[in-house]
């Protein structure tokens, strides 16, 4: 099934328009075709989680997905997520990975992540009734401090099964509107604030108003040759993940 997702997604992605490099300035004569409180761009795991949280906070949510089905990288992943025993253990291991890779670290962001990840198991289990998770792996760098405190949990091995949890919570429980085959093209801004998005649906450009926020969850750029040449080291880099990851969100947000 994951092979089918990749094969079909790549064929579809190659025929879609590329997101613009300029934001659209709002004018009084601009007409809105749809309105929501929160517009989420991208229907993978991140977009689904953002939509669920916004809906549960009382917002009217609309999801735009440029491919014919949702899933993103989540649907083609191994389907697991890492859960440490507590926030202290999480920090010990993740801090060691930064040192191991000689990478820059945002201390405040890491601290928030280590605290919030404690609720991931409960969150996933709560998306769909009778969800039972299993432990099928451990931390990837076993020699680093704190690695023995991590467990990889999942329903079964398979990202399509994990995404089905999100899909069920989004579409069947909360009835959040999802517009498939609707790529976002440009952000609409007013006085430096994002107030909407231009998208393409059924061959036409439409303007969608966001009363409260536009959430960009469009993935990376591993299937965009120009972005790879610009941002990645090396040549002839092959994409691994969802074929929909063509740098759309990156280009749109750079215009702000």
Protein backbone atom coordinates (compact mmCIF):
# COMPACT_ATOMS: atom_id res chain seq x y z
CA UNK A 1 0.00 0.00 0.00
CA UNK A 2 2.84 2.39 0.73
CA UNK A 3 4.29 1.65 -2.70
CA UNK A 4 0.93 2.55 -4.22
CA UNK A 5 0.86 5.81 -2.26
CA UNK A 6 4.33 6.73 -3.50
CA UNK A 7 3.71 5.71 -7.10
CA UNK A 8 0.36 7.48 -7.39
CA UNK A 9 1.54 10.52 -5.48
CA UNK A 10 4.59 11.05 -7.64
CA UNK A 11 2.55 10.91 -10.83
CA UNK A 12 0.05 13.41 -9.44
CA UNK A 13 2.68 15.76 -8.02
CA UNK A 14 4.42 16.10 -11.36
CA UNK A 15 1.25 17.52 -12.95
CA UNK A 16 0.44 20.10 -10.26
CA UNK A 17 1.29 23.82 -10.36
CA UNK A 18 4.24 25.06 -8.32
CA UNK A 19 3.57 27.39 -5.39
CA UNK A 20 4.35 31.03 -6.09
CA UNK A 21 7.33 32.99 -4.84
CA UNK A 22 5.38 36.17 -4.10
CA UNK A 23 2.63 36.69 -1.53
CA UNK A 24 -0.56 38.36 -2.73
CA UNK A 25 -1.36 41.72 -1.14
CA UNK A 26 -4.93 42.02 0.09
CA UNK A 27 -7.04 44.70 -1.59
CA UNK A 28 -10.63 45.73 -0.98
CA UNK A 29 -11.74 44.30 -4.31
CA UNK A 30 -10.39 40.81 -3.50
CA UNK A 31 -13.28 38.36 -3.27
CA UNK A 32 -13.26 35.41 -0.90
CA UNK A 33 -14.50 32.05 -2.19
CA UNK A 34 -14.32 30.23 1.16
CA UNK A 35 -13.75 31.17 4.78
CA UNK A 36 -12.51 29.28 7.85
CA UNK A 37 -10.98 30.24 11.17
CA UNK A 38 -7.88 28.10 10.62
CA UNK A 39 -6.67 26.93 7.21
CA UNK A 40 -4.20 24.05 7.32
CA UNK A 41 -1.96 23.51 4.30
CA UNK A 42 -0.96 19.85 4.00
CA UNK A 43 -2.76 16.75 5.22
CA UNK A 44 -0.01 14.62 6.66
CA UNK A 45 0.48 13.80 10.32
CA UNK A 46 1.48 17.37 11.26
CA UNK A 47 -1.41 18.95 9.38
CA UNK A 48 -3.89 16.48 10.86
CA UNK A 49 -2.67 17.14 14.41
CA UNK A 50 -2.88 20.91 13.88
CA UNK A 51 -6.42 20.56 12.53
CA UNK A 52 -7.50 18.36 15.44
CA UNK A 53 -6.11 20.74 18.06
CA UNK A 54 -7.58 23.82 16.37
CA UNK A 55 -11.00 22.18 16.05
CA UNK A 56 -10.98 21.07 19.68
CA UNK A 57 -10.13 24.64 20.69
CA UNK A 58 -13.31 25.82 18.99
CA UNK A 59 -12.11 26.85 15.53
CA UNK A 60 -13.74 26.10 12.19
CA UNK A 61 -10.97 24.31 10.29
CA UNK A 62 -10.31 23.69 6.61
CA UNK A 63 -7.52 21.40 5.33
CA UNK A 64 -6.03 21.79 1.84
CA UNK A 65 -4.11 18.85 0.35
CA UNK A 66 -2.60 19.00 -3.10
CA UNK A 67 -2.53 15.24 -3.74
CA UNK A 68 -5.54 12.98 -4.24
CA UNK A 69 -5.19 11.53 -0.74
CA UNK A 70 -3.75 12.58 2.58
CA UNK A 71 -0.88 10.97 4.40
CA UNK A 72 2.32 12.86 3.63
CA UNK A 73 5.48 11.40 5.09
CA UNK A 74 3.45 9.86 7.91
CA UNK A 75 1.73 7.44 5.53
CA UNK A 76 5.02 6.16 4.11
CA UNK A 77 6.87 6.00 7.43
CA UNK A 78 7.37 2.95 9.63
CA UNK A 79 4.36 4.08 11.65
CA UNK A 80 5.98 4.46 15.05
CA UNK A 81 6.69 7.31 17.43
CA UNK A 82 9.22 7.54 20.22
CA UNK A 83 8.14 7.86 23.84
CA UNK A 84 10.64 8.32 26.71
CA UNK A 85 9.88 7.34 30.29
CA UNK A 86 9.90 10.96 31.47
CA UNK A 87 10.97 14.46 30.43
CA UNK A 88 14.34 14.18 32.14
CA UNK A 89 15.19 11.00 30.23
CA UNK A 90 14.02 12.62 27.01
CA UNK A 91 16.31 15.59 27.53
CA UNK A 92 19.32 13.43 28.39
CA UNK A 93 19.13 11.48 25.15
CA UNK A 94 18.09 14.26 22.77
CA UNK A 95 20.69 16.64 24.18
CA UNK A 96 23.30 13.97 23.50
CA UNK A 97 22.17 13.67 19.86
CA UNK A 98 22.82 17.39 19.34
CA UNK A 99 26.33 17.03 20.75
CA UNK A 100 26.93 13.86 18.70
CA UNK A 101 25.92 15.62 15.46
CA UNK A 102 27.61 18.93 16.42
CA UNK A 103 24.31 20.69 15.68
CA UNK A 104 22.86 23.98 16.86
CA UNK A 105 20.28 23.63 19.63
CA UNK A 106 17.35 25.75 20.73
CA UNK A 107 17.32 25.09 24.46
CA UNK A 108 13.80 26.40 25.06
CA UNK A 109 12.33 24.45 22.15
CA UNK A 110 14.02 21.22 23.25
CA UNK A 111 12.70 21.69 26.77
CA UNK A 112 9.12 22.15 25.52
CA UNK A 113 9.42 19.11 23.24
CA UNK A 114 10.67 16.87 26.06
CA UNK A 115 7.73 17.86 28.27
CA UNK A 116 5.00 17.69 25.62
CA UNK A 117 6.06 14.35 24.10
CA UNK A 118 4.97 12.68 27.33
CA UNK A 119 1.37 13.02 26.18
CA UNK A 120 1.86 11.51 22.71
CA UNK A 121 0.81 7.98 23.69
CA UNK A 122 -2.44 9.16 25.26
CA UNK A 123 -3.11 11.47 22.31
CA UNK A 124 -2.71 8.70 19.70
CA UNK A 125 -4.77 6.23 21.71
CA UNK A 126 -7.54 8.79 22.00
CA UNK A 127 -7.89 9.33 18.26
CA UNK A 128 -9.77 6.11 17.58
CA UNK A 129 -11.64 3.68 19.86
CA UNK A 130 -9.97 0.42 20.94
CA UNK A 131 -6.52 1.53 19.83
CA UNK A 132 -3.84 -0.74 21.22
CA UNK A 133 -0.18 0.19 20.80
CA UNK A 134 2.82 -2.10 20.82
CA UNK A 135 6.52 -1.53 21.46
CA UNK A 136 8.61 -2.58 18.50
CA UNK A 137 11.85 -0.62 18.74
CA UNK A 138 14.20 1.56 20.74
CA UNK A 139 16.33 4.67 20.31
CA UNK A 140 18.37 4.74 17.13
CA UNK A 141 21.71 5.68 18.76
CA UNK A 142 21.96 3.02 21.45
CA UNK A 143 25.37 4.16 22.69
CA UNK A 144 24.22 7.66 23.70
CA UNK A 145 23.23 8.48 27.29
CA UNK A 146 19.55 7.88 28.00
CA UNK A 147 18.96 5.70 24.93
CA UNK A 148 17.75 2.80 27.04
CA UNK A 149 14.84 4.90 28.34
CA UNK A 150 13.14 5.30 24.94
CA UNK A 151 10.59 3.04 23.30
CA UNK A 152 9.16 3.17 19.78
CA UNK A 153 5.44 2.53 19.90
CA UNK A 154 2.93 1.96 17.14
CA UNK A 155 -0.34 0.26 16.32
CA UNK A 156 1.44 -2.00 13.88
CA UNK A 157 4.41 -1.35 11.67
CA UNK A 158 3.12 0.80 8.85
CA UNK A 159 2.64 4.51 8.40
CA UNK A 160 -0.63 4.02 6.58
CA UNK A 161 -2.04 2.51 9.78
CA UNK A 162 -0.81 5.45 11.84
CA UNK A 163 -2.28 7.96 9.43
CA UNK A 164 -5.59 6.11 9.55
CA UNK A 165 -5.76 7.11 13.21
CA UNK A 166 -5.46 10.77 12.21
CA UNK A 167 -7.85 10.41 9.29
CA UNK A 168 -10.50 8.83 11.48
CA UNK A 169 -10.21 11.62 14.07
CA UNK A 170 -10.27 14.37 11.43
CA UNK A 171 -12.92 13.14 9.01
CA UNK A 172 -15.18 10.73 10.88
CA UNK A 173 -15.19 12.13 14.41
CA UNK A 174 -14.76 15.87 13.90
CA UNK A 175 -16.08 16.13 10.34
CA UNK A 176 -13.36 18.62 9.42
CA UNK A 177 -13.57 19.65 5.77
CA UNK A 178 -10.71 18.35 3.64
CA UNK A 179 -10.20 19.61 0.09
CA UNK A 180 -8.07 17.12 -1.85
CA UNK A 181 -6.29 17.93 -5.10
CA UNK A 182 -6.24 21.54 -3.96
CA UNK A 183 -2.66 22.86 -3.88
CA UNK A 184 -1.97 26.12 -2.08
CA UNK A 185 -0.26 28.57 -4.43
CA UNK A 186 0.26 31.84 -2.59
CA UNK A 187 -0.30 33.40 0.82
CA UNK A 188 -2.49 36.47 1.05
CA UNK A 189 -1.19 39.14 3.39
CA UNK A 190 -2.42 42.44 4.77
CA UNK A 191 -0.01 44.79 6.53
CA UNK A 192 2.44 41.93 6.97
CA UNK A 193 -0.16 39.58 8.46
CA UNK A 194 -1.29 36.40 6.70
CA UNK A 195 -5.06 36.59 6.21
CA UNK A 196 -5.64 33.85 3.66
CA UNK A 197 -4.33 31.71 0.86
CA UNK A 198 -4.73 31.36 -2.89
CA UNK A 199 -5.31 27.75 -3.94
CA UNK A 200 -6.21 25.86 -7.08
CA UNK A 201 -9.31 23.70 -7.07
CA UNK A 202 -10.96 22.01 -10.05
CA UNK A 203 -8.71 23.98 -12.38
CA UNK A 204 -9.62 27.38 -10.91
CA UNK A 205 -7.84 29.76 -8.55
CA UNK A 206 -9.78 30.36 -5.36
CA UNK A 207 -9.21 32.77 -2.46
CA UNK A 208 -9.66 31.29 1.01
CA UNK A 209 -9.92 33.58 4.01
CA UNK A 210 -8.40 32.58 7.35
CA UNK A 211 -9.95 34.48 10.23
CA UNK A 212 -7.35 33.36 12.75
CA UNK A 213 -4.42 31.51 11.18
CA UNK A 214 -2.88 29.69 8.24
CA UNK A 215 -0.87 26.65 9.36
CA UNK A 216 1.81 25.58 6.87
CA UNK A 217 2.39 21.81 7.19
CA UNK A 218 3.46 21.06 3.63
CA UNK A 219 6.54 18.96 4.32
CA UNK A 220 10.02 19.45 2.92
CA UNK A 221 11.56 19.81 -0.52
CA UNK A 222 13.11 16.41 -1.25
CA UNK A 223 11.21 16.15 -4.52
CA UNK A 224 12.10 19.63 -5.80
CA UNK A 225 15.33 19.66 -7.80
CA UNK A 226 15.84 23.42 -7.51
CA UNK A 227 15.51 23.44 -3.72
CA UNK A 228 17.90 20.51 -3.43
CA UNK A 229 20.50 22.38 -5.49
CA UNK A 230 20.01 25.47 -3.34
CA UNK A 231 19.90 24.02 0.17
CA UNK A 232 21.41 20.52 0.16
CA UNK A 233 25.02 19.43 -0.14
CA UNK A 234 25.84 16.87 -2.81
CA UNK A 235 24.51 15.97 -6.24
CA UNK A 236 21.99 13.49 -7.64
CA UNK A 237 20.08 13.38 -4.35
CA UNK A 238 17.10 11.04 -4.44
CA UNK A 239 13.87 11.81 -2.58
CA UNK A 240 12.70 9.61 0.28
CA UNK A 241 9.18 10.25 1.52
CA UNK A 242 6.01 11.73 0.10
CA UNK A 243 6.28 12.88 -3.55
CA UNK A 244 4.16 15.86 -2.54
CA UNK A 245 7.14 17.39 -0.74
CA UNK A 246 8.20 19.88 -3.40
CA UNK A 247 9.04 22.88 -1.22
CA UNK A 248 5.70 24.69 -1.64
CA UNK A 249 5.45 25.86 1.95
CA UNK A 250 9.08 26.94 1.98
CA UNK A 251 8.62 29.18 -1.03
CA UNK A 252 5.36 30.63 0.25
CA UNK A 253 6.65 31.47 3.72
CA UNK A 254 9.85 33.00 2.36
CA UNK A 255 7.70 35.73 0.79
CA UNK A 256 6.70 36.95 4.24
